[in-house]
Amino acid sequence: MAELRSFRKREVFLSLKQDLAKPIILSQEKSAQIENIFSKGDPSVVLYHKFIITGFVSRKEWGQHPSLLRILRNYRSPSGSVLHYSYYDYMDAFEKVLFFQNQKFNHSWFLMFGKDFDNQTPSWFLKWWEMFGSIPQIFPEPLQDALRYFDSRCSSSKHRSQFPVILIFSQRYKVHWISMWKYTINSNLLNREFSVKWWDSLRINPIINQVYKDYPPPVQKPITHRTRSQSSLDSVQIIEKSSKELKELAQQLIAHSQQLESEEQISPTASEGSVNHDPIDPFQDSQDPYSGYNLDSD
């Protein structure tokens, strides 16, 4: 009897290695929606897959321990056994489900965060992002500018600060991208090489407008140009003064004005002294953090 239980337990966990179980885990946990996009010319051919991340189950939400098992509903092993999965299987499903490849080895994934996505990202998702996530180099230049601006204005918590800003940006503004991988041989080792592409149909203007709406530029206070007479009169309290006191103040202002006039005749004018014959471009300030990348590459 003990051997039978041991065999069936081994069968259950071996069955979890099947690719069919992984998307079901993500669907059951309401973490991802996976959709087949078929060829219009041949409905039997899958052109690519759409993978929409809708949420994450945190380690705390899982239960007492990540090894705690949950039943996989609507799916059984070939022998009819009920399948179970742990939190480790859940994390593994996020990664391994995207390892699907077609016979021509040119399969692609259309990736994005769902419209209602508003979850805290777990730390283990960083590994997934390094393989399948987007990169700033594929962004059109106006969207790169919006990303830089977002980075300069967005304040992050201690937890969110461990993630790249493009991940937070893509989550918040639902920026799509396309991910692919292929096999390569390096030093006689077979590796997976990952790459990403921009989705040309994405409308970036609404995204850019929303960024500046969420983080309005600081309002520049206008500089008020004041004449010497205005500054002098503002500094003099003339209210509730007698006629004699006002005459004395007037004589002081006349004397001060004559002194300034004589000084200006000796020294060059203020406008001549402030002319810059070699102006500096105010926009040639900081180095572009994305310079050196080939933005036209696939």
Protein backbone atom coordinates (compact mmCIF):
# COMPACT_ATOMS: atom_id res chain seq x y z
CA MET A 1 0.00 0.00 0.00
CA ALA A 2 2.84 2.34 0.85
CA GLU A 3 4.50 1.64 -2.50
CA LEU A 4 1.26 2.50 -4.32
CA ARG A 5 0.98 5.85 -2.55
CA SER A 6 4.61 6.57 -3.34
CA PHE A 7 4.12 5.73 -7.01
CA ARG A 8 1.00 7.86 -7.35
CA LYS A 9 2.67 10.82 -5.65
CA ARG A 10 5.59 10.51 -8.07
CA GLU A 11 3.16 10.34 -10.96
CA VAL A 12 1.40 13.52 -9.84
CA PHE A 13 4.57 15.61 -9.71
CA LEU A 14 5.94 14.19 -12.95
CA SER A 15 2.70 15.19 -14.63
CA LEU A 16 3.22 18.77 -13.55
CA LYS A 17 6.21 18.90 -15.87
CA GLN A 18 3.84 18.76 -18.82
CA ASP A 19 3.47 22.11 -20.58
CA LEU A 20 -0.32 21.86 -20.56
CA ALA A 21 -0.48 22.18 -16.79
CA LYS A 22 1.45 25.45 -16.58
CA PRO A 23 -1.01 27.80 -18.33
CA ILE A 24 -3.82 26.21 -16.32
CA ILE A 25 -2.00 27.07 -13.07
CA LEU A 26 -1.69 30.72 -14.12
CA SER A 27 -5.30 30.84 -15.28
CA GLN A 28 -6.58 29.24 -12.09
CA GLU A 29 -4.66 31.73 -9.94
CA LYS A 30 -5.98 34.60 -12.12
CA SER A 31 -2.43 35.66 -12.89
CA ALA A 32 -2.35 35.50 -16.69
CA GLN A 33 -4.52 35.20 -19.78
CA ILE A 34 -3.03 33.26 -22.67
CA GLU A 35 -4.60 33.47 -26.11
CA ASN A 36 -3.73 31.70 -29.36
CA ILE A 37 -3.60 34.00 -32.39
CA PHE A 38 -4.27 31.89 -35.47
CA SER A 39 -3.39 32.53 -39.10
CA LYS A 40 -6.28 33.88 -41.15
CA GLY A 41 -5.11 31.85 -44.13
CA ASP A 42 -4.73 28.62 -42.16
CA PRO A 43 -6.72 28.47 -38.88
CA SER A 44 -4.67 25.46 -37.78
CA VAL A 45 -1.48 27.54 -37.62
CA VAL A 46 -0.74 29.59 -34.48
CA LEU A 47 1.04 32.79 -35.53
CA TYR A 48 1.87 33.90 -32.00
CA HIS A 49 0.53 33.89 -28.45
CA LYS A 50 -0.84 36.79 -26.45
CA PHE A 51 0.24 36.73 -22.79
CA ILE A 52 -1.50 39.25 -20.52
CA ILE A 53 -0.34 39.47 -16.90
CA THR A 54 -3.37 40.15 -14.74
CA GLY A 55 -1.94 39.77 -11.22
CA PHE A 56 0.38 37.99 -8.82
CA VAL A 57 -0.23 35.73 -5.86
CA SER A 58 2.10 36.82 -3.09
CA ARG A 59 3.99 34.40 -0.89
CA LYS A 60 1.92 35.62 2.08
CA GLU A 61 -1.36 35.01 0.28
CA TRP A 62 -0.35 31.45 -0.57
CA GLY A 63 -0.42 30.13 2.99
CA GLN A 64 1.84 28.92 5.74
CA HIS A 65 4.58 27.61 3.47
CA PRO A 66 5.33 27.78 -0.28
CA SER A 67 5.30 23.97 -0.39
CA LEU A 68 1.63 24.00 0.57
CA LEU A 69 -0.25 22.19 -2.23
CA ARG A 70 -3.33 23.33 -4.08
CA ILE A 71 -5.51 21.17 -6.31
CA LEU A 72 -5.31 21.81 -10.03
CA ARG A 73 -8.91 21.93 -11.15
CA ASN A 74 -10.18 20.95 -14.62
CA TYR A 75 -7.04 18.98 -15.41
CA ARG A 76 -5.88 15.46 -14.58
CA SER A 77 -2.91 13.28 -15.37
CA PRO A 78 -3.18 10.75 -18.23
CA SER A 79 -4.06 8.09 -15.67
CA GLY A 80 -6.85 10.25 -14.23
CA SER A 81 -5.05 11.29 -11.04
CA VAL A 82 -5.79 14.62 -9.42
CA LEU A 83 -2.86 17.00 -9.73
CA HIS A 84 -1.46 19.35 -7.08
CA TYR A 85 0.93 22.28 -7.31
CA SER A 86 2.93 24.37 -4.86
CA TYR A 87 4.01 28.02 -4.90
CA TYR A 88 7.27 26.88 -6.47
CA ASP A 89 5.28 25.35 -9.33
CA TYR A 90 3.34 28.61 -9.63
CA MET A 91 6.56 30.64 -10.01
CA ASP A 92 7.95 28.06 -12.42
CA ALA A 93 4.81 28.23 -14.57
CA PHE A 94 5.36 31.97 -15.22
CA GLU A 95 8.74 31.21 -16.74
CA LYS A 96 8.34 27.84 -18.42
CA VAL A 97 5.06 28.61 -20.18
CA LEU A 98 6.94 31.07 -22.42
CA PHE A 99 9.44 28.40 -23.43
CA PHE A 100 6.97 27.15 -26.01
CA GLN A 101 8.54 27.08 -29.47
CA ASN A 102 7.22 26.19 -32.93
CA GLN A 103 8.85 23.93 -35.53
CA LYS A 104 10.42 26.89 -37.34
CA PHE A 105 11.84 28.33 -34.09
CA ASN A 106 10.40 31.76 -34.81
CA HIS A 107 7.55 31.86 -32.31
CA SER A 108 6.83 35.20 -30.59
CA TRP A 109 4.87 36.35 -27.57
CA PHE A 110 2.81 39.53 -27.42
CA LEU A 111 3.25 40.63 -23.79
CA MET A 112 1.54 43.24 -21.68
CA PHE A 113 0.06 43.94 -18.26
CA GLY A 114 -3.72 43.84 -18.04
CA LYS A 115 -5.80 47.00 -17.95
CA ASP A 116 -6.88 46.29 -14.37
CA PHE A 117 -3.44 45.17 -13.16
CA ASP A 118 -2.68 46.81 -9.81
CA ASN A 119 -0.65 44.28 -7.83
CA GLN A 120 2.59 44.49 -5.92
CA THR A 121 5.28 42.78 -7.97
CA PRO A 122 7.10 39.94 -6.18
CA SER A 123 10.89 39.98 -6.13
CA TRP A 124 11.18 36.67 -7.98
CA PHE A 125 9.59 38.31 -11.04
CA LEU A 126 12.91 40.09 -11.69
CA LYS A 127 14.31 36.86 -13.16
CA TRP A 128 11.32 36.65 -15.53
CA TRP A 129 11.77 40.29 -16.56
CA GLU A 130 15.47 39.82 -17.35
CA MET A 131 14.53 37.13 -19.87
CA PHE A 132 11.24 38.33 -21.35
CA GLY A 133 10.82 41.96 -20.27
CA SER A 134 10.99 45.10 -22.39
CA ILE A 135 14.04 47.40 -22.69
CA PRO A 136 14.23 51.21 -23.24
CA GLN A 137 16.18 50.89 -26.49
CA ILE A 138 13.14 49.65 -28.43
CA PHE A 139 11.00 52.65 -27.40
CA PRO A 140 10.39 55.40 -29.96
CA GLU A 141 12.30 58.56 -29.01
CA PRO A 142 9.23 60.50 -27.72
CA LEU A 143 8.35 57.60 -25.44
CA GLN A 144 11.96 57.41 -24.25
CA ASP A 145 11.68 61.09 -23.27
CA ALA A 146 8.49 60.31 -21.35
CA LEU A 147 10.26 57.41 -19.61
CA ARG A 148 13.12 59.68 -18.53
CA TYR A 149 10.67 62.27 -17.28
CA PHE A 150 8.71 59.60 -15.39
CA ASP A 151 11.94 58.36 -13.81
CA SER A 152 12.80 61.89 -12.63
CA ARG A 153 9.38 62.57 -11.09
CA CYS A 154 8.09 59.20 -9.84
CA SER A 155 8.85 58.38 -6.21
CA SER A 156 9.21 54.69 -5.37
CA SER A 157 8.85 52.76 -2.17
CA LYS A 158 11.71 50.64 -0.85
CA HIS A 159 10.15 47.54 -2.42
CA ARG A 160 9.56 49.11 -5.85
CA SER A 161 13.03 50.64 -5.96
CA GLN A 162 14.52 47.20 -6.62
CA PHE A 163 12.76 46.99 -9.99
CA PRO A 164 13.88 48.75 -13.20
CA VAL A 165 11.89 51.87 -13.96
CA ILE A 166 10.80 50.49 -17.35
CA LEU A 167 9.03 47.62 -15.55
CA ILE A 168 7.08 50.06 -13.35
CA PHE A 169 6.41 52.26 -16.40
CA SER A 170 5.12 49.30 -18.46
CA GLN A 171 2.88 48.15 -15.63
CA ARG A 172 1.35 51.56 -15.03
CA TYR A 173 0.84 52.65 -18.63
CA LYS A 174 0.24 49.20 -20.18
CA VAL A 175 3.05 49.43 -22.73
CA HIS A 176 3.07 46.33 -24.96
CA TRP A 177 6.11 44.59 -26.37
CA ILE A 178 7.05 41.43 -28.30
CA SER A 179 9.40 38.80 -26.88
CA MET A 180 11.17 35.96 -28.69
CA TRP A 181 13.92 33.44 -28.02
CA LYS A 182 16.07 31.02 -29.98
CA TYR A 183 18.74 28.44 -29.32
CA THR A 184 22.40 29.38 -29.64
CA ILE A 185 25.62 27.44 -29.10
CA ASN A 186 28.27 29.12 -26.98
CA SER A 187 31.44 27.27 -25.96
CA ASN A 188 29.79 23.98 -26.92
CA LEU A 189 26.84 24.78 -24.65
CA LEU A 190 23.26 25.07 -25.87
CA ASN A 191 21.71 28.31 -24.57
CA ARG A 192 18.55 30.30 -25.03
CA GLU A 193 19.03 33.78 -26.47
CA PHE A 194 16.23 36.24 -25.72
CA SER A 195 15.25 39.33 -27.71
CA VAL A 196 12.45 41.90 -27.72
CA LYS A 197 10.83 44.06 -30.40
CA TRP A 198 8.61 47.12 -30.46
CA TRP A 199 4.96 46.74 -31.47
CA ASP A 200 4.49 49.31 -34.24
CA SER A 201 0.70 49.53 -33.83
CA LEU A 202 0.87 50.86 -30.28
CA ARG A 203 -0.35 54.46 -30.02
CA ILE A 204 2.15 56.27 -27.83
CA ASN A 205 0.60 59.77 -27.71
CA PRO A 206 -2.10 58.80 -25.16
CA ILE A 207 0.62 57.25 -22.99
CA ILE A 208 2.83 60.34 -23.17
CA ASN A 209 -0.10 62.65 -22.42
CA GLN A 210 -1.07 60.56 -19.41
CA VAL A 211 2.48 60.66 -18.03
CA TYR A 212 2.54 64.48 -18.05
CA LYS A 213 -1.00 64.54 -16.68
CA ASP A 214 0.00 62.34 -13.75
CA TYR A 215 3.18 64.34 -13.14
CA PRO A 216 2.64 67.95 -14.26
CA PRO A 217 5.84 69.94 -14.76
CA PRO A 218 6.52 72.43 -11.94
CA VAL A 219 5.05 75.86 -12.60
CA GLN A 220 7.71 78.48 -13.39
CA LYS A 221 7.13 81.71 -11.49
CA PRO A 222 7.49 84.74 -13.81
CA ILE A 223 10.39 87.07 -13.06
CA THR A 224 9.20 90.61 -12.39
CA HIS A 225 11.47 93.33 -13.80
CA ARG A 226 11.44 96.38 -11.56
CA THR A 227 12.92 99.83 -12.15
CA ARG A 228 15.14 101.53 -9.60
CA SER A 229 12.46 104.12 -8.88
CA GLN A 230 9.87 101.39 -8.21
CA SER A 231 12.23 99.53 -5.88
CA SER A 232 13.07 102.74 -4.03
CA LEU A 233 9.46 103.79 -3.64
CA ASP A 234 8.49 100.29 -2.47
CA SER A 235 11.09 100.47 0.28
CA VAL A 236 9.88 103.84 1.51
CA GLN A 237 6.88 103.93 3.80
CA ILE A 238 5.01 107.05 2.68
CA ILE A 239 1.77 106.29 4.40
CA GLU A 240 0.88 108.54 7.35
CA LYS A 241 3.86 110.90 6.79
CA SER A 242 3.62 114.68 7.03
CA SER A 243 4.20 117.05 4.12
CA LYS A 244 7.55 118.10 5.59
CA GLU A 245 8.73 114.48 5.84
CA LEU A 246 7.64 113.79 2.26
CA LYS A 247 9.64 116.82 0.99
CA GLU A 248 12.74 115.56 2.79
CA LEU A 249 12.30 112.09 1.24
CA ALA A 250 11.88 113.66 -2.19
CA GLN A 251 15.14 115.60 -1.79
CA GLN A 252 16.92 112.36 -0.74
CA LEU A 253 15.61 110.53 -3.83
CA ILE A 254 16.76 113.36 -6.13
CA ALA A 255 20.23 113.32 -4.60
CA HIS A 256 20.38 109.51 -4.92
CA SER A 257 19.27 109.71 -8.55
CA GLN A 258 21.97 112.32 -9.39
CA GLN A 259 24.63 110.10 -7.79
CA LEU A 260 23.54 107.05 -9.85
CA GLU A 261 23.53 109.15 -13.02
CA SER A 262 27.13 110.29 -12.48
CA GLU A 263 28.29 106.69 -11.78
CA GLU A 264 26.63 105.37 -14.97
CA GLN A 265 28.45 107.98 -17.07
CA ILE A 266 31.81 106.64 -15.81
CA SER A 267 31.15 102.82 -15.98
CA PRO A 268 29.86 100.85 -19.05
CA THR A 269 26.13 100.27 -19.27
CA ALA A 270 24.64 97.21 -17.64
CA SER A 271 23.51 95.78 -20.97
CA GLU A 272 27.00 96.13 -22.51
CA GLY A 273 28.63 94.44 -19.53
CA SER A 274 26.30 91.42 -19.60
CA VAL A 275 26.61 90.48 -23.28
CA ASN A 276 27.81 86.90 -23.76
CA HIS A 277 29.62 86.51 -27.08
CA ASP A 278 29.88 82.77 -26.69
CA PRO A 279 26.44 81.59 -25.53
CA ILE A 280 26.06 78.12 -24.00
CA ASP A 281 23.31 75.80 -25.20
CA PRO A 282 21.05 75.33 -22.13
CA PHE A 283 19.98 71.90 -23.39
CA GLN A 284 23.54 70.61 -23.61
CA ASP A 285 23.51 69.71 -19.93
CA SER A 286 23.36 66.07 -18.92
CA GLN A 287 24.36 63.06 -20.96
CA ASP A 288 21.55 61.02 -22.52
CA PRO A 289 21.32 57.83 -20.36
CA TYR A 290 20.34 55.84 -23.44
CA SER A 291 23.03 57.13 -25.80
CA GLY A 292 25.13 54.53 -27.57
CA TYR A 293 22.23 52.19 -28.30
CA ASN A 294 21.08 51.38 -31.82
CA LEU A 295 17.41 52.33 -31.66
CA ASP A 296 16.76 51.05 -35.18
CA SER A 297 17.73 47.46 -34.43
CA ASP A 298 15.09 44.74 -34.12
